[in-house]
Amino acid sequence: MKFSKTLIAASLALVSADTFAAAFQLAEQNASGLGRAYAGEASIADDASVVARNPALMTLFKDKQLSVAAIAVVPDVSIEGESTNNGIDPSALDDDSIAPSAVVPAAYFTMPYNDKVSVGVGAFSNFGLSTEFNDDYVAGQIAGETEILTVNFNASVAYKVTEQFSFGVGLNYIYADATVIRKVGANASGIDFGADAVNLQGDDTGLGLNVGLMYQLDENSRFGFNYRSETDITFEGDFSNDLPVAAGGTGGAKLPGSVELTLPAIAEFSGSHQLDEKLGVHYSVLWTGWSSFESLEAQVTAPTGDKFVAFEKQEQFDDAFRYSIGADYQYNEDLLLRAGVAFDESPVSQTHLSISIPDTDRFWFSVGGNYAIDKQSNVDLGVSVVRGKTQNFTETDDSGSQWGFESKGHAVVIGAQYNYKF
């Protein structure tokens, strides 16, 4: 059986990464940090969302904390056809909206157990995104529909060693679901245009750990560090296509298929400094261990029970860094203003770009604020404009057709969050 070349990348949703953060990583675990471009996330104890970025910070709370957030991502990801080698007009490749809008929710709760120990739980996402092409897109073998959803359920505990130093540990239970559909492109002969060339749906769960440290240098300066381990995910589900059996297809019949993926390790170092009664400055360096993502391999179980490698593709991602700096200003007793900028490196090399992975370096420009409703509750609002670079690349499908593209990826990210302490 012949597997489409795009199955693996699509199965892992390594697609339209300009929509969110590098590759298929998400930065949007809360709305409070969004206004600072997520600078200082491992050192600021704004609210209960510290569960996601550094559980050691829970020891700074004297009350129970509840935070509920929703972050809307409105992408502007487009591609233009530059060239073909099969006589098809390159303009037929143009698509001005390959990534749909999405909402990323999150919820957290923390509480002090005693004067030394604090506990917390959270539900959020570190990875996920989506792209959609029309069924009649001419380069159907490398387009189609792709979606990945991950939900991280976290339980954390933190311990205050001294008044200056705390550490925290979290257990992460991750659910991941993936869908990929690829269509027969216009260059195919003898097969219905728009028929499914690949249809794969699967899910899995995995476990991971994260460890956080917090050091209070003095009353005005704090440093934080958080490490999140790798998590192995194997998407197991159904594989099928509409291709005739005689042509190496399944004729619509479903066969067991699987794709293995390692969600990379993440480490973040942050610093926060209160310069005076009103102004604070924050910064972060975040590392993602994408070099663990070297290749992709898909397996299918034939009707005979034999398993075989349907596809193997070298990816050779590089480790990537995200740098951010931000500030907040206490405008009055009720209103805190925020602003920040960030630079997000892409782990994808120029030789591996595709419309499934049109990744690029990007800049974040962010503003936001926090408004105190009363002594117990407050709300956060944040907005980021994400700007990516223009990329030019050529991709070859299974038939040997070459498709040349120019991709552009930008996004607007808008978040709101409600916080309550009791």
Foldseek 3Di string as FASTA:
>chain_A
DAAWQQVFLQQQLQFQCLQAFFRFWHPPQAFQCQQAVNFQLFWDPPFQSNLVVFPQSLLVDAFKKKKKKKKKKQKFKWKFFDDKDQPDDRRLQTDGAFFHIDMWIKIKIKGAPDNFKIKMKMKGDTGWGWTADDLARQPQSNGHIKTKDKIWIKIKMKGDPDPFKIKMKIKIKMKMKIWGWGFDHPPDPPDDRSWTPKTDIFIWIWMWMKMKMKGHPDPFKIKMKMKIAKIKTKGWDWMATCDDVVVVGDNGDTWIKIKIDIQWMKMKIKMKGDPDPWKIKMKMKMKTACQVCFKIWMWTQDPVRDIDTNDMGTFRFHIWMKIKMKMWGCPDPFKIKIWMKMKGAHRGDLQRDDNSNPGFIKMKTKIWMKGAPDPFKIKIKMKIKIFGDKHWDWDAIPVGMIIIMIMGMIIMMIMMMMMGTD
